[in-house]
Amino acid sequence: MGGVSVVLTGDPTSASANPALLSYLRGTQFSIGTTVELPNFRFTPEATPSQSTKMQTQVLFPPNLSLAYTFDSGVGLGVAVSNPYSAKTDWGTEWAGRRVIAGSEIRGFVVTPMMSFFLSRNVSAGIGVNITSFRYARSARVVYHGGDDALGVEGTERMQGTGTPSFGVQAGLLLSHGDMVRLGIVYKSRSCVSINDGFVTYEWPQSSGDSLSASQFSTSFTLPDRFSAGLSFRPFEFILLGAETEYVRWSSIDKLTLVGPGTEYRTDQEGWRDVLAVRAGAEITLGGIALRVGIILDHSPVTDEQVRPSVPDADRKAYTFGIGYGLGEGLTMDVALQTVKYNRRAISNSAVFSADGTPLNGVYDMSATNVCLNVSYSWK
């Protein structure tokens, strides 16, 4: 349904978006699944269009898992595990932006224990704690200028580190007028992630004599706070319509600086802005089958001059199609297909520099296909 989730009470996965939904479940609920992400990105340099580079195909499998139990009184307890911050790139070691990035990987796992209860007959409230752990890795080509024998030799720098767990809270409300109209409101707080013991290693041609030795780096950044509101309407028993908006304060990432031993190392991201996303979807239920469609309109938080190939981004639209099918008593399978089309992004004022020392200006053409699969079981 285009990612509409803060008002959907059908399964425990929605509770990770709004913990107040737990009160509308019954008994024990379990769900597990993954999303197969297939990005398709290309960069064409402004100065040399013939040297267009396509990012090597990356396949990601961010998982999700939810477990919940709701008492007859409406008090619900649950835990959700997800990987909402997931990105991987591999541009190779010969392209124009290799001094900025050759490859990168970000993995941000979130574990959310949560509970909910009824404030009144038609209003439920929920609260959860978001425990986030990050893994960060990147590689880029670097040039050594420290000795005559190795002057101008290009090698590969590799960095990786794991962050200490960060903590944030989320709180949600769900206002319901029977099954016909529901309104959900959610706030998720900021949390600060720190990597204090990252490692830096270098790979050089044998002729350079291992010019630079391994070292360490550290960094920290603040994950944004989020405000979400959603509305669902059921004009008939077999039709559900939903819409949702989310305001994300990405400006919390004022600057992501990688710091080496005793000195500033480099800036990897900065100058992000707050953005609004809009989602809408519909579901039609026919017997044991649910048919779903949706659309997402999402804005990029990254300005033109700060677009970097480590996190290439642009305003985008996504269209989703899905089906839910009852496999047996209490057992359900949900499958969805999402196609994402990014706006063509032409950069003419890049603050990032290419391998020849000129700004990394050019055009990003991007799209992605995502396939989602979840299996849920309920003991009522």
Protein backbone atom coordinates (compact mmCIF):
# COMPACT_ATOMS: atom_id res chain seq x y z
CA MET A 1 0.00 0.00 0.00
CA GLY A 2 2.83 2.40 -0.79
CA GLY A 3 4.32 2.12 2.68
CA VAL A 4 1.21 3.33 4.52
CA SER A 5 1.63 1.76 7.95
CA VAL A 6 0.84 3.98 10.97
CA VAL A 7 -2.90 3.19 10.76
CA LEU A 8 -2.88 -0.49 9.67
CA THR A 9 -3.87 -2.95 12.38
CA GLY A 10 -3.73 -6.23 10.49
CA ASP A 11 -0.28 -7.58 11.43
CA PRO A 12 2.60 -6.92 13.88
CA THR A 13 4.95 -5.42 11.27
CA SER A 14 2.93 -2.17 11.30
CA ALA A 15 3.51 -1.87 15.05
CA SER A 16 7.17 -1.03 14.36
CA ALA A 17 5.83 2.12 12.64
CA ASN A 18 3.26 2.91 15.34
CA PRO A 19 3.39 0.95 18.64
CA ALA A 20 -0.21 2.01 19.45
CA LEU A 21 -1.37 -0.55 16.84
CA LEU A 22 -0.44 -3.42 19.18
CA SER A 23 -3.66 -2.92 21.14
CA TYR A 24 -5.71 -3.90 18.09
CA LEU A 25 -4.01 -7.26 17.63
CA ARG A 26 -5.15 -10.37 19.47
CA GLY A 27 -3.10 -13.15 21.03
CA THR A 28 0.39 -13.94 19.77
CA GLN A 29 1.50 -12.56 16.41
CA PHE A 30 4.73 -13.35 14.55
CA SER A 31 6.03 -12.06 11.20
CA ILE A 32 9.31 -12.47 9.33
CA GLY A 33 10.43 -11.34 5.90
CA THR A 34 12.86 -9.47 3.71
CA THR A 35 13.03 -7.01 0.83
CA VAL A 36 15.23 -7.79 -2.16
CA GLU A 37 16.61 -4.43 -3.32
CA LEU A 38 17.93 -4.10 -6.89
CA PRO A 39 19.30 -0.58 -7.58
CA ASN A 40 20.28 0.57 -11.08
CA PHE A 41 22.48 3.70 -10.95
CA ARG A 42 24.57 5.42 -13.63
CA PHE A 43 26.78 8.55 -13.59
CA THR A 44 27.77 10.47 -16.74
CA PRO A 45 30.53 13.11 -16.29
CA GLU A 46 29.73 16.56 -17.61
CA ALA A 47 33.17 17.02 -19.21
CA THR A 48 33.51 13.52 -20.71
CA PRO A 49 30.08 12.00 -21.43
CA SER A 50 31.72 9.04 -23.17
CA GLN A 51 33.10 7.88 -19.80
CA SER A 52 29.66 7.11 -18.36
CA THR A 53 29.88 4.64 -15.45
CA LYS A 54 27.19 2.22 -14.32
CA MET A 55 27.33 1.13 -10.70
CA GLN A 56 27.93 -2.60 -10.47
CA THR A 57 24.73 -4.45 -9.56
CA GLN A 58 24.23 -4.71 -5.81
CA VAL A 59 21.61 -6.99 -4.28
CA LEU A 60 20.56 -6.26 -0.70
CA PHE A 61 18.35 -8.34 1.61
CA PRO A 62 17.38 -6.14 4.58
CA PRO A 63 15.34 -8.33 6.95
CA ASN A 64 12.43 -7.60 9.26
CA LEU A 65 11.00 -9.54 12.17
CA SER A 66 8.14 -8.80 14.56
CA LEU A 67 6.78 -10.65 17.60
CA ALA A 68 3.85 -9.40 19.68
CA TYR A 69 1.37 -10.51 22.33
CA THR A 70 -1.79 -8.60 23.16
CA PHE A 71 -3.91 -9.31 26.23
CA ASP A 72 -7.71 -9.22 26.16
CA SER A 73 -7.54 -5.87 27.95
CA GLY A 74 -5.75 -4.33 24.96
CA VAL A 75 -2.34 -4.15 26.64
CA GLY A 76 0.18 -5.17 24.01
CA LEU A 77 3.84 -6.13 24.25
CA GLY A 78 6.12 -6.60 21.28
CA VAL A 79 9.55 -6.40 19.70
CA ALA A 80 10.51 -5.53 16.12
CA VAL A 81 13.83 -5.93 14.30
CA SER A 82 14.45 -4.07 11.06
CA ASN A 83 17.18 -2.71 8.79
CA PRO A 84 15.79 0.68 7.67
CA TYR A 85 19.23 2.19 6.95
CA SER A 86 20.68 0.02 4.20
CA ALA A 87 22.78 1.13 1.23
CA LYS A 88 25.59 -0.42 -0.80
CA THR A 89 27.52 0.91 -3.79
CA ASP A 90 30.31 -0.41 -6.00
CA TRP A 91 31.51 2.03 -8.67
CA GLY A 92 34.83 0.30 -9.36
CA THR A 93 38.40 1.62 -9.10
CA GLU A 94 38.78 3.25 -12.52
CA TRP A 95 35.91 5.72 -12.77
CA ALA A 96 36.11 9.53 -12.49
CA GLY A 97 34.93 9.63 -8.87
CA ARG A 98 37.22 6.92 -7.54
CA ARG A 99 39.02 9.37 -5.19
CA VAL A 100 35.63 10.08 -3.58
CA ILE A 101 34.35 6.53 -3.44
CA ALA A 102 35.01 3.16 -5.02
CA GLY A 103 32.54 1.24 -2.88
CA SER A 104 30.56 1.73 0.32
CA GLU A 105 28.17 -0.10 2.59
CA ILE A 106 25.91 1.14 5.38
CA ARG A 107 23.91 -1.23 7.58
CA GLY A 108 21.74 0.18 10.36
CA PHE A 109 19.84 -2.43 12.40
CA VAL A 110 17.10 -1.27 14.76
CA VAL A 111 15.67 -3.35 17.61
CA THR A 112 12.47 -1.88 19.08
CA PRO A 113 10.85 -3.28 22.24
CA MET A 114 7.42 -1.66 22.65
CA MET A 115 4.10 -1.70 24.50
CA SER A 116 0.63 -0.24 24.05
CA PHE A 117 -2.63 0.24 25.97
CA PHE A 118 -6.05 1.88 25.58
CA LEU A 119 -6.51 5.39 26.93
CA SER A 120 -10.22 5.16 26.15
CA ARG A 121 -12.51 2.98 24.09
CA ASN A 122 -11.41 4.62 20.83
CA VAL A 123 -7.88 5.81 21.62
CA SER A 124 -4.78 3.65 22.08
CA ALA A 125 -1.26 4.80 22.92
CA GLY A 126 2.07 3.10 22.47
CA ILE A 127 5.71 3.68 23.28
CA GLY A 128 8.91 2.01 22.17
CA VAL A 129 12.68 2.25 22.50
CA ASN A 130 14.74 2.21 19.29
CA ILE A 131 18.15 0.58 19.79
CA THR A 132 20.26 1.16 16.68
CA SER A 133 23.56 -0.45 15.70
CA PHE A 134 25.48 0.72 12.62
CA ARG A 135 28.13 -0.87 10.43
CA TYR A 136 30.02 1.43 8.06
CA ALA A 137 32.50 0.48 5.33
CA ARG A 138 33.97 2.37 2.39
CA SER A 139 36.83 2.17 -0.07
CA ALA A 140 38.39 4.83 -2.29
CA ARG A 141 41.50 5.30 -4.41
CA VAL A 142 44.23 7.47 -2.91
CA VAL A 143 47.58 8.78 -4.17
CA TYR A 144 50.79 8.58 -2.15
CA HIS A 145 53.14 11.58 -2.35
CA GLY A 146 55.52 10.71 0.48
CA GLY A 147 58.61 9.46 -1.34
CA ASP A 148 60.33 9.73 -4.69
CA ASP A 149 60.02 6.02 -5.41
CA ALA A 150 56.26 6.01 -4.77
CA LEU A 151 55.46 9.50 -5.99
CA GLY A 152 52.03 9.52 -7.60
CA VAL A 153 51.35 5.84 -6.91
CA GLU A 154 47.62 5.12 -6.59
CA GLY A 155 46.36 2.59 -4.07
CA THR A 156 43.14 1.63 -2.32
CA GLU A 157 42.12 2.88 1.11
CA ARG A 158 39.62 0.75 3.02
CA MET A 159 37.73 1.90 6.10
CA GLN A 160 35.28 0.01 8.27
CA GLY A 161 33.84 0.33 11.72
CA THR A 162 30.89 -0.65 13.92
CA GLY A 163 29.04 1.91 16.00
CA THR A 164 28.18 1.66 19.66
CA PRO A 165 24.41 1.12 20.16
CA SER A 166 22.39 4.33 20.19
CA PHE A 167 19.03 4.85 21.87
CA GLY A 168 15.93 6.77 20.89
CA VAL A 169 12.24 6.66 21.75
CA GLN A 170 9.07 6.58 19.72
CA ALA A 171 5.51 7.28 20.78
CA GLY A 172 2.27 6.88 18.90
CA LEU A 173 -1.49 7.36 19.13
CA LEU A 174 -4.29 5.69 17.20
CA LEU A 175 -7.76 7.23 17.18
CA SER A 176 -10.46 4.96 15.85
CA HIS A 177 -14.09 5.38 14.85
CA GLY A 178 -14.88 1.70 14.61
CA ASP A 179 -13.35 0.13 11.51
CA MET A 180 -14.45 2.98 9.24
CA VAL A 181 -11.98 5.78 10.09
CA ARG A 182 -8.64 5.67 11.87
CA LEU A 183 -6.08 8.38 12.52
CA GLY A 184 -2.50 7.62 13.56
CA ILE A 185 0.17 10.01 14.85
CA VAL A 186 3.77 9.01 15.60
CA TYR A 187 6.95 10.72 16.79
CA LYS A 188 10.39 9.08 16.64
CA SER A 189 13.23 10.88 18.41
CA ARG A 190 16.78 11.55 17.30
CA SER A 191 19.61 9.28 18.34
CA CYS A 192 23.37 9.70 18.07
CA VAL A 193 25.56 6.99 16.55
CA SER A 194 29.29 6.90 17.33
CA ILE A 195 32.07 4.83 15.75
CA ASN A 196 35.17 5.11 17.93
CA ASP A 197 37.38 2.21 16.82
CA GLY A 198 37.17 2.13 13.03
CA PHE A 199 40.11 0.71 11.07
CA VAL A 200 41.85 2.12 7.99
CA THR A 201 44.02 -0.13 5.81
CA TYR A 202 45.82 0.47 2.51
CA GLU A 203 46.55 -1.66 -0.50
CA TRP A 204 49.43 -0.52 -2.75
CA PRO A 205 51.25 -1.86 -5.79
CA GLN A 206 54.36 -3.78 -4.75
CA SER A 207 56.59 -1.07 -6.19
CA SER A 208 55.36 1.46 -3.62
CA GLY A 209 56.74 -0.44 -0.65
CA ASP A 210 53.55 -0.25 1.43
CA SER A 211 53.75 3.53 1.64
CA LEU A 212 51.13 4.10 4.35
CA SER A 213 50.45 1.88 7.34
CA ALA A 214 47.09 0.97 8.91
CA SER A 215 45.47 3.44 11.30
CA GLN A 216 42.20 4.16 13.05
CA PHE A 217 39.33 6.59 12.56
CA SER A 218 36.24 7.75 14.44
CA THR A 219 33.03 9.52 13.52
CA SER A 220 29.59 10.32 14.87
CA PHE A 221 26.30 11.41 13.37
CA THR A 222 22.73 11.99 14.50
CA LEU A 223 19.86 10.00 13.05
CA PRO A 224 16.88 12.31 12.38
CA ASP A 225 13.69 12.66 14.34
CA ARG A 226 10.52 11.88 12.40
CA PHE A 227 6.90 12.99 12.57
CA SER A 228 4.25 10.82 10.88
CA ALA A 229 0.49 11.12 10.49
CA GLY A 230 -1.83 8.77 8.65
CA LEU A 231 -5.52 8.34 7.91
CA SER A 232 -7.44 5.26 6.78
CA PHE A 233 -11.01 5.03 5.52
CA ARG A 234 -13.07 1.90 4.90
CA PRO A 235 -16.13 2.89 2.83
CA PHE A 236 -17.08 -0.79 2.42
CA GLU A 237 -16.04 -3.85 4.35
CA PHE A 238 -13.85 -5.12 1.48
CA ILE A 239 -12.16 -1.80 0.57
CA LEU A 240 -9.51 0.02 2.59
CA LEU A 241 -8.02 3.39 1.58
CA GLY A 242 -5.03 4.91 3.35
CA ALA A 243 -2.76 7.94 3.18
CA GLU A 244 0.24 9.00 5.24
CA THR A 245 2.75 11.81 5.43
CA GLU A 246 6.15 11.81 7.14
CA TYR A 247 8.38 14.76 7.95
CA VAL A 248 12.03 13.77 8.42
CA ARG A 249 14.51 16.23 9.93
CA TRP A 250 17.60 15.14 7.99
CA SER A 251 19.25 18.46 8.89
CA SER A 252 20.37 16.60 12.04
CA ILE A 253 23.24 15.36 9.83
CA ASP A 254 24.96 18.74 9.93
CA LYS A 255 28.27 17.19 8.91
CA LEU A 256 29.65 13.64 8.84
CA THR A 257 33.39 13.94 9.42
CA LEU A 258 35.77 10.98 9.54
CA VAL A 259 38.56 11.76 12.01
CA GLY A 260 41.95 10.05 11.96
CA PRO A 261 44.59 9.99 14.71
CA GLY A 262 44.69 13.54 16.11
CA THR A 263 43.46 15.28 12.97
CA GLU A 264 40.39 15.87 10.83
CA TYR A 265 40.30 13.25 8.11
CA ARG A 266 37.57 14.13 5.61
CA THR A 267 33.96 15.16 5.32
CA ASP A 268 31.75 12.44 3.85
CA GLN A 269 28.31 14.10 4.04
CA GLU A 270 27.00 17.54 5.02
CA GLY A 271 24.31 20.12 4.42
CA TRP A 272 21.30 17.80 4.37
CA ARG A 273 17.84 19.38 4.63
CA ASP A 274 14.47 18.42 6.12
CA VAL A 275 12.02 16.74 3.73
CA LEU A 276 8.44 15.55 3.48
CA ALA A 277 7.25 12.23 2.05
CA VAL A 278 3.68 11.36 1.04
CA ARG A 279 2.28 7.84 0.67
CA ALA A 280 -1.12 6.54 -0.38
CA GLY A 281 -2.58 3.12 -1.07
CA ALA A 282 -5.64 0.94 -1.39
CA GLU A 283 -6.56 -2.65 -0.52
CA ILE A 284 -9.39 -4.76 -1.89
CA THR A 285 -10.18 -8.02 -0.07
CA LEU A 286 -11.77 -10.86 -2.03
CA GLY A 287 -12.27 -13.90 0.16
CA GLY A 288 -8.84 -14.97 1.42
CA ILE A 289 -6.96 -12.71 -1.01
CA ALA A 290 -6.02 -9.05 -0.48
CA LEU A 291 -4.99 -7.01 -3.54
CA ARG A 292 -2.99 -3.84 -2.89
CA VAL A 293 -1.64 -0.84 -4.80
CA GLY A 294 0.18 2.29 -3.66
CA ILE A 295 2.29 5.30 -4.57
CA ILE A 296 5.11 7.16 -2.78
CA LEU A 297 6.30 10.71 -3.42
CA ASP A 298 9.63 11.33 -1.69
CA HIS A 299 12.02 14.29 -1.73
CA SER A 300 15.79 14.05 -1.47
CA PRO A 301 17.42 15.68 1.57
CA VAL A 302 20.70 16.23 -0.34
CA THR A 303 21.38 19.50 -2.14
CA ASP A 304 22.88 19.48 -5.66
CA GLU A 305 26.33 20.58 -4.55
CA GLN A 306 26.48 17.88 -1.85
CA VAL A 307 25.29 14.91 -3.91
CA ARG A 308 27.94 12.22 -3.51
CA PRO A 309 28.24 8.86 -5.23
CA SER A 310 28.51 7.19 -1.80
CA VAL A 311 24.80 8.03 -1.25
CA PRO A 312 23.44 9.04 -4.70
CA ASP A 313 19.95 10.45 -4.31
CA ALA A 314 17.20 12.48 -6.00
CA ASP A 315 13.49 13.20 -5.70
CA ARG A 316 11.59 10.06 -6.60
CA LYS A 317 8.29 8.33 -7.17
CA ALA A 318 7.60 4.73 -6.30
CA TYR A 319 4.70 2.53 -7.39
CA THR A 320 3.79 -0.59 -5.44
CA PHE A 321 1.68 -3.64 -6.18
CA GLY A 322 1.03 -6.44 -3.73
CA ILE A 323 -1.03 -9.44 -2.73
CA GLY A 324 -1.79 -11.04 0.61
CA TYR A 325 -2.94 -14.66 0.71
CA GLY A 326 -4.18 -16.83 3.54
CA LEU A 327 -2.23 -20.10 3.43
CA GLY A 328 -4.06 -21.72 6.31
CA GLU A 329 -5.47 -21.11 9.75
CA GLY A 330 -3.58 -18.09 11.09
CA LEU A 331 -0.90 -18.26 8.36
CA THR A 332 -0.57 -15.44 5.80
CA MET A 333 1.92 -14.64 3.06
CA ASP A 334 2.35 -11.11 1.68
CA VAL A 335 4.27 -10.35 -1.53
CA ALA A 336 4.88 -6.91 -3.04
CA LEU A 337 6.70 -5.39 -5.99
CA GLN A 338 7.94 -1.80 -5.92
CA THR A 339 9.41 0.12 -8.83
CA VAL A 340 11.27 3.34 -8.02
CA LYS A 341 12.04 6.07 -10.52
CA TYR A 342 14.37 8.89 -9.47
CA ASN A 343 14.28 12.28 -11.16
CA ARG A 344 17.24 12.71 -13.50
CA ARG A 345 19.74 14.75 -11.51
CA ALA A 346 22.17 17.04 -13.35
CA ILE A 347 24.90 18.46 -11.10
CA SER A 348 26.78 21.57 -12.26
CA ASN A 349 28.03 22.98 -8.93
CA SER A 350 29.42 19.93 -7.13
CA ALA A 351 31.45 20.45 -3.95
CA VAL A 352 32.96 16.99 -4.55
CA PHE A 353 36.07 16.60 -6.71
CA SER A 354 36.89 13.96 -9.31
CA ALA A 355 40.20 12.13 -9.75
CA ASP A 356 41.63 14.88 -11.99
CA GLY A 357 40.91 17.59 -9.39
CA THR A 358 37.88 19.13 -11.12
CA PRO A 359 34.35 19.22 -9.60
CA LEU A 360 32.47 15.94 -9.99
CA ASN A 361 29.77 17.48 -12.18
CA GLY A 362 27.54 15.29 -14.28
CA VAL A 363 24.23 13.50 -14.49
CA TYR A 364 22.88 10.76 -12.21
CA ASP A 365 20.30 8.44 -13.79
CA MET A 366 18.79 6.14 -11.18
CA SER A 367 16.04 3.60 -10.71
CA ALA A 368 15.41 0.59 -8.48
CA THR A 369 13.23 -2.49 -8.18
CA ASN A 370 12.30 -3.96 -4.80
CA VAL A 371 10.60 -7.30 -4.13
CA CYS A 372 9.12 -7.83 -0.67
CA LEU A 373 8.11 -11.08 1.02
CA ASN A 374 6.66 -11.55 4.48
CA VAL A 375 5.15 -14.56 6.25
CA SER A 376 2.97 -14.02 9.33
CA TYR A 377 1.35 -16.37 11.82
CA SER A 378 -1.11 -15.64 14.62
CA TRP A 379 -2.15 -17.66 17.63
CA LYS A 380 -5.43 -16.06 18.72
